[in-house]
Amino acid sequence: MATCCLTTTSRAWRQRATRHFWTVFTNVLALTIPTSRSWLAVPTRVSSSGPKAGSTESIKVTEALESGISIDGPSGKISIDPTTHHCVLNVSLAEVQDKKFKILQTFDQAPPSDTSAVCNLKKNPKDNQQYVIKA
């Protein structure tokens, strides 16, 4: 995992997870990050601090999502894009060499640019289409 974009909190999370769960398979940690984003980002910020819904009511949750919520996750800062409700996060391009990930390039705070080209939930709040982005 790239260390350029890690914060004090995300480094501590990574150290705890590695120590407790992945002492043999250290690179498995990189595979847990997408799951942790989903489980940490929305529930943590929608219900606990900052702009929050305080409810599971759809309109209140949507307002919280569109308020600029973010967390300091295992891979660095993770924010919710107000127009798409997708994550803005650090993305690394890697290849496997000798059973380890070699980071080739990291894109800090990459926005959901493909989705934002076709989806705007602020203008179309009832949009529930699954968009397939073709290259």
N, C-alpha and C. Protein backbone atom coordinates (compact mmCIF):
# COMPACT_ATOMS: atom_id res chain seq x y z
N MET A 1 0.84 -1.17 0.00
CA MET A 1 0.00 0.00 0.00
C MET A 1 0.89 1.24 0.00
N ALA A 2 0.47 2.21 -0.75
CA ALA A 2 1.23 3.45 -0.78
C ALA A 2 1.19 4.11 0.59
N THR A 3 2.27 4.69 0.98
CA THR A 3 2.29 5.37 2.28
C THR A 3 2.20 6.88 2.13
N CYS A 4 2.25 7.37 0.90
CA CYS A 4 2.23 8.82 0.68
C CYS A 4 0.93 9.45 1.11
N CYS A 5 -0.17 8.72 1.04
CA CYS A 5 -1.47 9.32 1.30
C CYS A 5 -2.06 8.88 2.63
N LEU A 6 -1.33 8.13 3.43
CA LEU A 6 -1.85 7.66 4.70
C LEU A 6 -1.73 8.75 5.76
N THR A 7 -2.72 8.82 6.61
CA THR A 7 -2.72 9.77 7.72
C THR A 7 -2.34 9.04 9.00
N THR A 8 -2.18 9.77 10.06
CA THR A 8 -1.86 9.16 11.35
C THR A 8 -2.93 8.13 11.73
N THR A 9 -4.18 8.48 11.55
CA THR A 9 -5.27 7.57 11.89
C THR A 9 -5.27 6.34 11.00
N SER A 10 -5.07 6.52 9.69
CA SER A 10 -5.09 5.37 8.80
C SER A 10 -3.87 4.47 9.02
N ARG A 11 -2.74 5.05 9.35
CA ARG A 11 -1.55 4.23 9.67
C ARG A 11 -1.82 3.40 10.93
N ALA A 12 -2.45 4.00 11.93
CA ALA A 12 -2.76 3.27 13.16
C ALA A 12 -3.74 2.14 12.89
N TRP A 13 -4.75 2.40 12.06
CA TRP A 13 -5.72 1.36 11.69
C TRP A 13 -5.01 0.20 11.01
N ARG A 14 -4.14 0.55 10.07
CA ARG A 14 -3.41 -0.49 9.34
C ARG A 14 -2.51 -1.31 10.27
N GLN A 15 -1.84 -0.65 11.19
CA GLN A 15 -0.97 -1.36 12.14
C GLN A 15 -1.76 -2.30 13.03
N ARG A 16 -2.91 -1.82 13.55
CA ARG A 16 -3.75 -2.68 14.39
C ARG A 16 -4.26 -3.89 13.61
N ALA A 17 -4.76 -3.67 12.40
CA ALA A 17 -5.29 -4.76 11.59
C ALA A 17 -4.20 -5.76 11.23
N THR A 18 -3.04 -5.27 10.86
CA THR A 18 -1.94 -6.15 10.50
C THR A 18 -1.51 -6.98 11.70
N ARG A 19 -1.37 -6.35 12.85
CA ARG A 19 -0.93 -7.03 14.06
C ARG A 19 -1.93 -8.11 14.50
N HIS A 20 -3.21 -7.79 14.42
CA HIS A 20 -4.22 -8.70 14.95
C HIS A 20 -4.72 -9.74 13.96
N PHE A 21 -4.75 -9.42 12.67
CA PHE A 21 -5.43 -10.30 11.74
C PHE A 21 -4.58 -10.82 10.58
N TRP A 22 -3.57 -10.08 10.18
CA TRP A 22 -2.87 -10.47 8.96
C TRP A 22 -1.36 -10.58 9.16
N THR A 23 -0.95 -11.26 10.18
CA THR A 23 0.48 -11.39 10.42
C THR A 23 1.16 -12.24 9.35
N VAL A 24 0.45 -13.20 8.77
CA VAL A 24 1.03 -14.02 7.71
C VAL A 24 0.78 -13.42 6.34
N PHE A 25 -0.43 -12.92 6.13
CA PHE A 25 -0.81 -12.41 4.82
C PHE A 25 -0.92 -10.89 4.85
N THR A 26 0.18 -10.20 4.92
CA THR A 26 0.14 -8.75 5.11
C THR A 26 -0.52 -8.03 3.94
N ASN A 27 -0.40 -8.54 2.73
CA ASN A 27 -1.00 -7.85 1.60
C ASN A 27 -2.50 -8.07 1.50
N VAL A 28 -3.04 -9.00 2.27
CA VAL A 28 -4.49 -9.18 2.30
C VAL A 28 -5.15 -7.90 2.80
N LEU A 29 -4.45 -7.14 3.61
CA LEU A 29 -4.98 -5.89 4.13
C LEU A 29 -5.46 -4.99 3.00
N ALA A 30 -4.72 -4.94 1.91
CA ALA A 30 -5.12 -4.10 0.78
C ALA A 30 -6.47 -4.52 0.23
N LEU A 31 -6.80 -5.79 0.32
CA LEU A 31 -8.08 -6.28 -0.19
C LEU A 31 -9.24 -5.96 0.74
N THR A 32 -8.95 -5.65 1.99
CA THR A 32 -10.02 -5.34 2.94
C THR A 32 -10.46 -3.89 2.87
N ILE A 33 -9.68 -3.06 2.25
CA ILE A 33 -9.95 -1.63 2.26
C ILE A 33 -11.26 -1.27 1.56
N PRO A 34 -11.57 -1.83 0.36
CA PRO A 34 -12.86 -1.46 -0.24
C PRO A 34 -14.05 -1.80 0.66
N THR A 35 -14.00 -2.92 1.33
CA THR A 35 -15.08 -3.29 2.24
C THR A 35 -15.14 -2.34 3.42
N SER A 36 -13.99 -1.98 3.96
CA SER A 36 -13.99 -1.10 5.12
C SER A 36 -14.53 0.27 4.77
N ARG A 37 -14.33 0.72 3.53
CA ARG A 37 -14.88 2.02 3.12
C ARG A 37 -16.39 2.03 3.30
N SER A 38 -17.02 0.99 2.78
CA SER A 38 -18.47 0.92 2.85
C SER A 38 -18.97 0.84 4.28
N TRP A 39 -18.33 0.03 5.09
CA TRP A 39 -18.79 -0.18 6.45
C TRP A 39 -18.45 0.98 7.37
N LEU A 40 -17.44 1.75 7.05
CA LEU A 40 -17.05 2.86 7.91
C LEU A 40 -17.64 4.20 7.48
N ALA A 41 -17.57 4.50 6.21
CA ALA A 41 -17.88 5.85 5.74
C ALA A 41 -19.30 6.28 6.03
N VAL A 42 -20.25 5.58 5.51
CA VAL A 42 -21.62 6.05 5.63
C VAL A 42 -22.15 5.93 7.06
N PRO A 43 -22.12 4.74 7.69
CA PRO A 43 -22.69 4.69 9.05
C PRO A 43 -21.99 5.60 10.04
N THR A 44 -20.68 5.70 9.95
CA THR A 44 -19.94 6.52 10.90
C THR A 44 -20.35 7.97 10.81
N ARG A 45 -20.39 8.52 9.64
CA ARG A 45 -20.66 9.95 9.50
C ARG A 45 -22.14 10.30 9.44
N VAL A 46 -22.97 9.40 8.98
CA VAL A 46 -24.38 9.71 8.93
C VAL A 46 -24.99 9.68 10.33
N SER A 47 -24.42 8.86 11.21
CA SER A 47 -25.07 8.70 12.51
C SER A 47 -24.31 9.25 13.71
N SER A 48 -23.02 9.57 13.59
CA SER A 48 -22.29 9.85 14.81
C SER A 48 -21.84 11.29 15.03
N SER A 49 -21.28 11.94 14.04
CA SER A 49 -20.75 13.28 14.31
C SER A 49 -20.83 14.15 13.09
N GLY A 50 -20.65 15.41 13.28
CA GLY A 50 -20.72 16.34 12.17
C GLY A 50 -22.13 16.40 11.61
N PRO A 51 -22.26 16.80 10.33
CA PRO A 51 -23.59 16.81 9.74
C PRO A 51 -24.11 15.38 9.71
N LYS A 52 -25.23 15.12 10.36
CA LYS A 52 -25.70 13.74 10.45
C LYS A 52 -27.19 13.66 10.28
N ALA A 53 -27.63 12.48 9.91
CA ALA A 53 -29.05 12.26 9.72
C ALA A 53 -29.76 12.10 11.05
N GLY A 54 -29.16 11.32 11.97
CA GLY A 54 -29.82 11.04 13.23
C GLY A 54 -31.05 10.18 13.04
N SER A 55 -31.17 9.59 11.85
CA SER A 55 -32.36 8.84 11.50
C SER A 55 -32.04 7.95 10.31
N THR A 56 -32.87 6.98 10.07
CA THR A 56 -32.73 6.17 8.85
C THR A 56 -33.72 6.63 7.79
N GLU A 57 -34.39 7.74 8.06
CA GLU A 57 -35.33 8.30 7.09
C GLU A 57 -34.57 8.72 5.84
N SER A 58 -35.08 8.34 4.69
CA SER A 58 -34.40 8.54 3.41
C SER A 58 -33.95 9.98 3.16
N ILE A 59 -34.82 10.93 3.38
CA ILE A 59 -34.49 12.33 3.11
C ILE A 59 -33.37 12.81 4.03
N LYS A 60 -33.43 12.44 5.30
CA LYS A 60 -32.38 12.86 6.23
C LYS A 60 -31.04 12.23 5.91
N VAL A 61 -31.04 10.96 5.52
CA VAL A 61 -29.79 10.29 5.14
C VAL A 61 -29.22 10.95 3.88
N THR A 62 -30.07 11.24 2.91
CA THR A 62 -29.62 11.91 1.68
C THR A 62 -29.01 13.27 2.00
N GLU A 63 -29.66 14.04 2.86
CA GLU A 63 -29.11 15.35 3.25
C GLU A 63 -27.75 15.20 3.91
N ALA A 64 -27.60 14.19 4.74
CA ALA A 64 -26.30 13.95 5.39
C ALA A 64 -25.24 13.57 4.36
N LEU A 65 -25.60 12.69 3.42
CA LEU A 65 -24.66 12.29 2.38
C LEU A 65 -24.21 13.49 1.54
N GLU A 66 -25.11 14.41 1.31
CA GLU A 66 -24.81 15.56 0.46
C GLU A 66 -24.20 16.74 1.22
N SER A 67 -23.88 16.53 2.49
CA SER A 67 -23.34 17.62 3.30
C SER A 67 -21.80 17.67 3.29
N GLY A 68 -21.15 16.75 2.58
CA GLY A 68 -19.69 16.75 2.53
C GLY A 68 -19.05 15.89 3.60
N ILE A 69 -19.71 14.80 3.99
CA ILE A 69 -19.17 13.94 5.05
C ILE A 69 -17.91 13.23 4.58
N SER A 70 -17.02 12.94 5.54
CA SER A 70 -15.79 12.21 5.24
C SER A 70 -15.31 11.50 6.50
N ILE A 71 -14.44 10.52 6.30
CA ILE A 71 -13.80 9.83 7.41
C ILE A 71 -12.31 9.71 7.08
N ASP A 72 -11.54 9.42 8.09
CA ASP A 72 -10.13 9.12 7.92
C ASP A 72 -10.02 7.61 7.99
N GLY A 73 -10.02 6.95 6.85
CA GLY A 73 -10.04 5.49 6.79
C GLY A 73 -8.67 4.88 6.66
N PRO A 74 -8.61 3.55 6.47
CA PRO A 74 -7.33 2.85 6.40
C PRO A 74 -6.47 3.26 5.22
N SER A 75 -7.07 3.80 4.16
CA SER A 75 -6.27 4.21 3.00
C SER A 75 -6.16 5.73 2.91
N GLY A 76 -6.56 6.43 3.95
CA GLY A 76 -6.52 7.89 3.95
C GLY A 76 -7.93 8.46 4.00
N LYS A 77 -8.07 9.73 3.65
CA LYS A 77 -9.37 10.40 3.70
C LYS A 77 -10.32 9.80 2.67
N ILE A 78 -11.57 9.57 3.09
CA ILE A 78 -12.62 9.08 2.21
C ILE A 78 -13.80 10.03 2.38
N SER A 79 -14.24 10.63 1.28
CA SER A 79 -15.37 11.56 1.32
C SER A 79 -16.49 11.03 0.43
N ILE A 80 -17.69 11.50 0.69
CA ILE A 80 -18.82 11.16 -0.16
C ILE A 80 -19.07 12.33 -1.11
N ASP A 81 -19.05 12.06 -2.41
CA ASP A 81 -19.33 13.08 -3.41
C ASP A 81 -20.81 13.42 -3.35
N PRO A 82 -21.16 14.69 -3.10
CA PRO A 82 -22.56 15.06 -2.92
C PRO A 82 -23.46 14.79 -4.13
N THR A 83 -22.94 14.88 -5.34
CA THR A 83 -23.81 14.71 -6.51
C THR A 83 -24.02 13.26 -6.92
N THR A 84 -23.08 12.37 -6.62
CA THR A 84 -23.22 10.97 -7.03
C THR A 84 -23.41 10.02 -5.85
N HIS A 85 -23.06 10.45 -4.66
CA HIS A 85 -23.06 9.62 -3.45
C HIS A 85 -22.01 8.51 -3.54
N HIS A 86 -21.03 8.69 -4.41
CA HIS A 86 -19.91 7.76 -4.53
C HIS A 86 -18.73 8.30 -3.72
N CYS A 87 -17.74 7.45 -3.47
CA CYS A 87 -16.58 7.85 -2.68
C CYS A 87 -15.56 8.64 -3.48
N VAL A 88 -14.95 9.62 -2.83
CA VAL A 88 -13.77 10.32 -3.31
C VAL A 88 -12.66 9.80 -2.40
N LEU A 89 -11.63 9.18 -3.00
CA LEU A 89 -10.63 8.50 -2.18
C LEU A 89 -9.31 8.36 -2.93
N ASN A 90 -8.31 7.92 -2.19
CA ASN A 90 -7.00 7.67 -2.78
C ASN A 90 -7.06 6.33 -3.51
N VAL A 91 -6.54 6.31 -4.74
CA VAL A 91 -6.54 5.10 -5.56
C VAL A 91 -5.11 4.82 -5.98
N SER A 92 -4.69 3.57 -5.82
CA SER A 92 -3.32 3.19 -6.22
C SER A 92 -3.37 2.15 -7.32
N LEU A 93 -2.49 2.32 -8.27
CA LEU A 93 -2.29 1.36 -9.35
C LEU A 93 -1.09 0.51 -8.95
N ALA A 94 -1.28 -0.82 -8.92
CA ALA A 94 -0.22 -1.70 -8.43
C ALA A 94 -0.11 -2.94 -9.30
N GLU A 95 1.01 -3.61 -9.15
CA GLU A 95 1.19 -4.92 -9.76
C GLU A 95 1.80 -5.84 -8.71
N VAL A 96 1.58 -7.14 -8.89
CA VAL A 96 2.11 -8.10 -7.94
C VAL A 96 3.50 -8.53 -8.40
N GLN A 97 4.45 -8.42 -7.49
CA GLN A 97 5.83 -8.88 -7.74
C GLN A 97 6.29 -9.62 -6.50
N ASP A 98 6.71 -10.87 -6.67
CA ASP A 98 7.17 -11.70 -5.54
C ASP A 98 6.14 -11.76 -4.42
N LYS A 99 4.89 -11.97 -4.78
CA LYS A 99 3.79 -12.12 -3.82
C LYS A 99 3.52 -10.86 -3.00
N LYS A 100 3.94 -9.70 -3.49
CA LYS A 100 3.69 -8.43 -2.82
C LYS A 100 3.20 -7.42 -3.84
N PHE A 101 2.43 -6.45 -3.36
CA PHE A 101 1.98 -5.38 -4.24
C PHE A 101 3.08 -4.34 -4.38
N LYS A 102 3.38 -3.97 -5.62
CA LYS A 102 4.31 -2.88 -5.89
C LYS A 102 3.47 -1.73 -6.41
N ILE A 103 3.42 -0.64 -5.65
CA ILE A 103 2.63 0.52 -6.04
C ILE A 103 3.35 1.24 -7.18
N LEU A 104 2.65 1.37 -8.30
CA LEU A 104 3.22 2.06 -9.46
C LEU A 104 2.89 3.55 -9.45
N GLN A 105 1.67 3.86 -9.04
CA GLN A 105 1.24 5.25 -9.02
C GLN A 105 0.04 5.39 -8.09
N THR A 106 -0.04 6.52 -7.40
CA THR A 106 -1.17 6.80 -6.53
C THR A 106 -1.84 8.09 -6.97
N PHE A 107 -3.16 8.04 -7.01
CA PHE A 107 -3.96 9.21 -7.37
C PHE A 107 -4.70 9.64 -6.10
N ASP A 108 -4.26 10.75 -5.53
CA ASP A 108 -4.86 11.22 -4.28
C ASP A 108 -6.23 11.83 -4.54
N GLN A 109 -7.18 11.46 -3.68
CA GLN A 109 -8.54 12.00 -3.70
C GLN A 109 -9.15 11.97 -5.10
N ALA A 110 -9.16 10.78 -5.70
CA ALA A 110 -9.73 10.60 -7.04
C ALA A 110 -11.26 10.70 -6.96
N PRO A 111 -11.84 11.60 -7.74
CA PRO A 111 -13.29 11.74 -7.73
C PRO A 111 -13.95 10.67 -8.61
N PRO A 112 -15.24 10.45 -8.45
CA PRO A 112 -15.95 9.49 -9.30
C PRO A 112 -16.28 10.13 -10.65
N SER A 113 -15.26 10.48 -11.42
CA SER A 113 -15.47 11.27 -12.64
C SER A 113 -16.29 10.53 -13.69
N ASP A 114 -16.16 9.21 -13.77
CA ASP A 114 -16.96 8.49 -14.77
C ASP A 114 -18.45 8.57 -14.41
N THR A 115 -18.78 8.34 -13.17
CA THR A 115 -20.16 8.37 -12.72
C THR A 115 -20.72 9.79 -12.76
N SER A 116 -19.93 10.77 -12.38
CA SER A 116 -20.44 12.14 -12.34
C SER A 116 -20.74 12.69 -13.73
N ALA A 117 -20.22 12.04 -14.77
CA ALA A 117 -20.53 12.46 -16.14
C ALA A 117 -21.98 12.13 -16.52
N VAL A 118 -22.59 11.15 -15.82
CA VAL A 118 -23.94 10.72 -16.17
C VAL A 118 -24.93 10.79 -15.01
N CYS A 119 -24.45 11.00 -13.79
CA CYS A 119 -25.32 10.93 -12.61
C CYS A 119 -25.22 12.20 -11.79
N ASN A 120 -26.38 12.81 -11.50
CA ASN A 120 -26.42 13.95 -10.61
C ASN A 120 -27.65 13.79 -9.72
N LEU A 121 -27.42 13.27 -8.53
CA LEU A 121 -28.53 12.99 -7.62
C LEU A 121 -29.10 14.23 -6.95
N LYS A 122 -28.37 15.35 -7.03
CA LYS A 122 -28.94 16.59 -6.50
C LYS A 122 -30.01 17.12 -7.46
N LYS A 123 -29.73 17.02 -8.77
CA LYS A 123 -30.72 17.47 -9.77
C LYS A 123 -31.81 16.43 -9.97
N ASN A 124 -31.46 15.16 -9.85
CA ASN A 124 -32.40 14.06 -10.10
C ASN A 124 -32.42 13.11 -8.90
N PRO A 125 -32.98 13.53 -7.78
CA PRO A 125 -32.89 12.74 -6.55
C PRO A 125 -33.58 11.37 -6.61
N LYS A 126 -34.48 11.16 -7.55
CA LYS A 126 -35.16 9.87 -7.66
C LYS A 126 -34.48 8.93 -8.65
N ASP A 127 -33.35 9.34 -9.19
CA ASP A 127 -32.61 8.50 -10.14
C ASP A 127 -32.09 7.27 -9.41
N ASN A 128 -32.47 6.10 -9.87
CA ASN A 128 -31.99 4.85 -9.26
C ASN A 128 -31.42 3.91 -10.32
N GLN A 129 -31.02 4.49 -11.44
CA GLN A 129 -30.47 3.69 -12.53
C GLN A 129 -29.04 3.21 -12.22
N GLN A 130 -28.75 2.00 -12.62
CA GLN A 130 -27.39 1.48 -12.53
C GLN A 130 -26.70 1.84 -13.85
N TYR A 131 -25.75 2.76 -13.79
CA TYR A 131 -25.07 3.21 -15.00
C TYR A 131 -23.91 2.27 -15.31
N VAL A 132 -23.77 1.91 -16.58
CA VAL A 132 -22.65 1.13 -17.05
C VAL A 132 -21.80 2.05 -17.90
N ILE A 133 -20.63 2.37 -17.40
CA ILE A 133 -19.74 3.31 -18.09
C ILE A 133 -18.91 2.51 -19.08
N LYS A 134 -18.97 2.91 -20.34
CA LYS A 134 -18.21 2.21 -21.38
C LYS A 134 -17.02 3.06 -21.77
N ALA A 135 -15.89 2.40 -21.87
CA ALA A 135 -14.64 3.12 -22.19
C ALA A 135 -14.58 3.49 -23.65
